[in-house]
Amino acid sequence: MESLKAKTLSSHRETEKYIAQKIKRIRSVADYIALLQIFYTYFGNLERKIAPFLGTDLIPDISQRRHVKRLAEDIASLGGTPTAGDKGIALPHIRGWQEAIGALYVVEGSTLGGKFIIQLVAKQAEITEGFSFFSAYGEHTAQRWEEFKEIVNAKVTTQEDMDRTVAAADETFTYFTAFIRQHG
């Protein structure tokens, strides 16, 4: 897991930079819905692409690690309509479970900063609802991240596994950043 983190650090930081810029500009419910829609569209397409490779045999709690339904609920609770077009969205190349875990690494990592995002958005836009995605695991976020790390460490054991996992995580960050910029 440490190697995965180190090898994707540059693309990870680039993604965080663009997400932070979008969050700092949120001043209304409409702005927040637009951010949620970006996540919903990209992660929705990504979840569909990786789903065939991530069963309970690999990740026992995979159903709880699907976050798109929370995004749809958040958008709807704020008066928006979740729409997930899939034309022209660049997604990582997924050929097996290794790439699927690499992509899921990005999705799961997005839950870690949720508490701070909620505080910032709530203050800037005076919003009190629509935070189920960013509070996905609530007080259990750190624990769920540790469990995911254990799965990655137990499953990604060969150099080939690592190379494929890193490549997919890096592509996921890169393509998500491009998608954010495109919809910025």
Protein backbone atom coordinates (compact mmCIF):
# COMPACT_ATOMS: atom_id res chain seq x y z
CA MET A 1 0.00 0.00 0.00
CA GLU A 2 2.87 2.37 0.75
CA SER A 3 4.34 1.69 -2.68
CA LEU A 4 0.96 2.37 -4.30
CA LYS A 5 0.70 5.66 -2.43
CA ALA A 6 4.25 6.70 -3.33
CA LYS A 7 3.98 5.79 -7.00
CA THR A 8 0.72 7.72 -7.48
CA LEU A 9 1.61 10.73 -5.36
CA SER A 10 2.05 13.17 -8.24
CA SER A 11 -1.26 12.38 -9.95
CA HIS A 12 -3.00 12.21 -6.55
CA ARG A 13 -1.81 15.71 -5.64
CA GLU A 14 -2.93 17.05 -9.00
CA THR A 15 -6.43 15.63 -8.47
CA GLU A 16 -6.61 17.03 -4.94
CA LYS A 17 -5.57 20.45 -6.25
CA TYR A 18 -8.44 20.63 -8.72
CA ILE A 19 -10.99 19.26 -6.26
CA ALA A 20 -9.86 21.79 -3.64
CA GLN A 21 -10.25 24.62 -6.16
CA LYS A 22 -13.80 23.51 -6.96
CA ILE A 23 -14.70 23.19 -3.28
CA LYS A 24 -13.33 26.61 -2.39
CA ARG A 25 -15.61 28.18 -5.04
CA ILE A 26 -18.82 26.63 -3.71
CA ARG A 27 -21.17 29.40 -2.60
CA SER A 28 -24.62 27.92 -3.26
CA VAL A 29 -26.59 24.71 -3.39
CA ALA A 30 -26.29 24.81 -7.20
CA ASP A 31 -22.48 24.98 -6.92
CA TYR A 32 -22.44 22.02 -4.56
CA ILE A 33 -24.79 20.00 -6.80
CA ALA A 34 -22.41 20.69 -9.70
CA LEU A 35 -19.51 19.24 -7.67
CA LEU A 36 -21.55 16.21 -6.65
CA GLN A 37 -22.58 15.71 -10.28
CA ILE A 38 -18.93 15.57 -11.33
CA PHE A 39 -18.27 12.82 -8.78
CA TYR A 40 -21.53 11.06 -9.67
CA THR A 41 -20.82 10.97 -13.38
CA TYR A 42 -17.19 9.93 -13.13
CA PHE A 43 -17.48 7.50 -10.21
CA GLY A 44 -20.73 6.05 -11.60
CA ASN A 45 -19.05 5.11 -14.84
CA LEU A 46 -15.97 3.91 -12.97
CA GLU A 47 -17.99 1.74 -10.56
CA ARG A 48 -19.78 0.08 -13.48
CA LYS A 49 -16.48 -0.62 -15.18
CA ILE A 50 -14.78 -2.20 -12.15
CA ALA A 51 -17.81 -4.08 -10.77
CA PRO A 52 -17.27 -7.30 -12.79
CA PHE A 53 -13.79 -7.68 -11.27
CA LEU A 54 -14.56 -6.98 -7.60
CA GLY A 55 -16.66 -9.67 -5.95
CA THR A 56 -17.05 -10.56 -2.29
CA ASP A 57 -14.35 -13.20 -2.72
CA LEU A 58 -11.84 -10.39 -3.26
CA ILE A 59 -13.42 -7.62 -1.17
CA PRO A 60 -15.96 -9.06 1.29
CA ASP A 61 -17.72 -5.73 1.91
CA ILE A 62 -17.69 -4.50 -1.69
CA SER A 63 -21.38 -3.60 -1.63
CA GLN A 64 -20.68 -1.07 1.13
CA ARG A 65 -17.84 0.39 -0.92
CA ARG A 66 -20.11 1.43 -3.77
CA HIS A 67 -20.62 5.14 -3.27
CA VAL A 68 -22.56 6.29 -6.32
CA LYS A 69 -25.94 5.68 -4.68
CA ARG A 70 -24.95 8.13 -1.94
CA LEU A 71 -24.06 10.74 -4.54
CA ALA A 72 -27.45 10.27 -6.23
CA GLU A 73 -29.20 10.61 -2.87
CA ASP A 74 -27.25 13.78 -2.07
CA ILE A 75 -28.03 15.38 -5.41
CA ALA A 76 -31.72 14.51 -5.09
CA SER A 77 -31.93 15.71 -1.48
CA LEU A 78 -30.67 19.11 -2.64
CA GLY A 79 -33.27 19.33 -5.42
CA GLY A 80 -31.09 18.19 -8.30
CA THR A 81 -31.46 15.33 -10.73
CA PRO A 82 -28.52 12.92 -10.90
CA THR A 83 -27.44 12.39 -14.50
CA ALA A 84 -24.60 10.13 -15.51
CA GLY A 85 -23.75 10.45 -19.15
CA ASP A 86 -21.08 8.07 -20.31
CA LYS A 87 -20.05 9.53 -23.66
CA GLY A 88 -16.45 10.61 -23.91
CA ILE A 89 -15.43 9.87 -20.33
CA ALA A 90 -11.87 8.60 -20.15
CA LEU A 91 -11.61 5.77 -17.65
CA PRO A 92 -8.64 3.63 -16.65
CA HIS A 93 -7.93 0.46 -18.57
CA ILE A 94 -9.41 -2.37 -16.49
CA ARG A 95 -8.40 -5.88 -17.53
CA GLY A 96 -8.59 -7.64 -14.19
CA TRP A 97 -8.92 -7.36 -10.44
CA GLN A 98 -5.54 -5.62 -10.12
CA GLU A 99 -6.66 -2.60 -12.13
CA ALA A 100 -10.06 -2.65 -10.43
CA ILE A 101 -8.37 -2.42 -7.03
CA GLY A 102 -6.21 0.43 -8.31
CA ALA A 103 -9.31 2.34 -9.39
CA LEU A 104 -11.09 1.53 -6.12
CA TYR A 105 -8.06 2.90 -4.25
CA VAL A 106 -8.92 6.33 -5.68
CA VAL A 107 -12.62 6.02 -4.84
CA GLU A 108 -11.95 4.81 -1.29
CA GLY A 109 -9.34 7.51 -0.77
CA SER A 110 -11.96 10.12 -1.59
CA THR A 111 -13.74 9.25 1.67
CA LEU A 112 -10.79 10.31 3.80
CA GLY A 113 -11.17 14.07 3.49
CA GLY A 114 -14.94 14.06 3.69
CA LYS A 115 -15.22 15.57 7.15
CA PHE A 116 -13.25 18.65 6.12
CA ILE A 117 -15.14 19.01 2.84
CA ILE A 118 -18.46 18.90 4.70
CA GLN A 119 -17.34 21.60 7.14
CA LEU A 120 -16.11 23.87 4.36
CA VAL A 121 -19.14 23.45 2.10
CA ALA A 122 -21.58 23.80 5.00
CA LYS A 123 -19.94 27.07 6.05
CA GLN A 124 -19.46 28.57 2.58
CA ALA A 125 -22.86 27.69 1.15
CA GLU A 126 -24.87 27.36 4.36
CA ILE A 127 -25.89 23.81 3.47
CA THR A 128 -27.02 21.36 6.12
CA GLU A 129 -27.82 18.28 4.02
CA GLY A 130 -26.54 16.31 1.07
CA PHE A 131 -23.41 14.98 2.71
CA SER A 132 -23.89 11.19 2.69
CA PHE A 133 -21.15 10.70 0.08
CA PHE A 134 -18.56 12.75 1.95
CA SER A 135 -19.53 11.10 5.24
CA ALA A 136 -19.77 7.62 3.75
CA TYR A 137 -18.38 5.73 6.72
CA GLY A 138 -18.87 8.40 9.37
CA GLU A 139 -16.82 7.74 12.47
CA HIS A 140 -15.62 4.46 10.93
CA THR A 141 -13.80 6.09 8.00
CA ALA A 142 -10.29 5.47 9.34
CA GLN A 143 -11.18 1.88 10.22
CA ARG A 144 -12.65 1.23 6.76
CA TRP A 145 -9.53 2.69 5.14
CA GLU A 146 -7.33 0.39 7.25
CA GLU A 147 -9.45 -2.60 6.22
CA PHE A 148 -9.06 -1.64 2.58
CA LYS A 149 -5.30 -1.29 3.00
CA GLU A 150 -5.17 -4.78 4.52
CA ILE A 151 -7.02 -6.19 1.53
CA VAL A 152 -4.65 -4.48 -0.90
CA ASN A 153 -1.59 -5.67 1.02
CA ALA A 154 -2.91 -9.24 1.12
CA LYS A 155 -3.95 -9.42 -2.54
CA VAL A 156 -1.38 -7.34 -4.41
CA THR A 157 1.64 -9.54 -3.81
CA THR A 158 3.61 -9.81 -7.04
CA GLN A 159 5.43 -7.16 -9.03
CA GLU A 160 3.00 -7.66 -11.91
CA ASP A 161 0.04 -7.17 -9.55
CA MET A 162 1.65 -4.00 -8.22
CA ASP A 163 2.46 -2.62 -11.67
CA ARG A 164 -1.11 -3.16 -12.87
CA THR A 165 -2.65 -1.75 -9.69
CA VAL A 166 -0.44 1.34 -9.73
CA ALA A 167 -1.04 1.96 -13.44
CA ALA A 168 -4.82 1.87 -12.97
CA ALA A 169 -4.75 4.08 -9.86
CA ASP A 170 -2.53 6.58 -11.65
CA GLU A 171 -4.81 6.57 -14.72
CA THR A 172 -7.86 6.99 -12.48
CA PHE A 173 -6.38 10.06 -10.82
CA THR A 174 -5.23 11.48 -14.16
CA TYR A 175 -8.52 10.92 -15.96
CA PHE A 176 -10.57 12.17 -13.00
CA THR A 177 -8.48 15.35 -12.93
CA ALA A 178 -9.08 15.84 -16.66
CA PHE A 179 -12.80 15.29 -16.13
CA ILE A 180 -12.88 17.87 -13.30
CA ARG A 181 -11.00 20.38 -15.44
CA GLN A 182 -13.35 19.75 -18.36
CA HIS A 183 -16.35 20.42 -16.12
CA GLY A 184 -14.73 23.21 -14.15
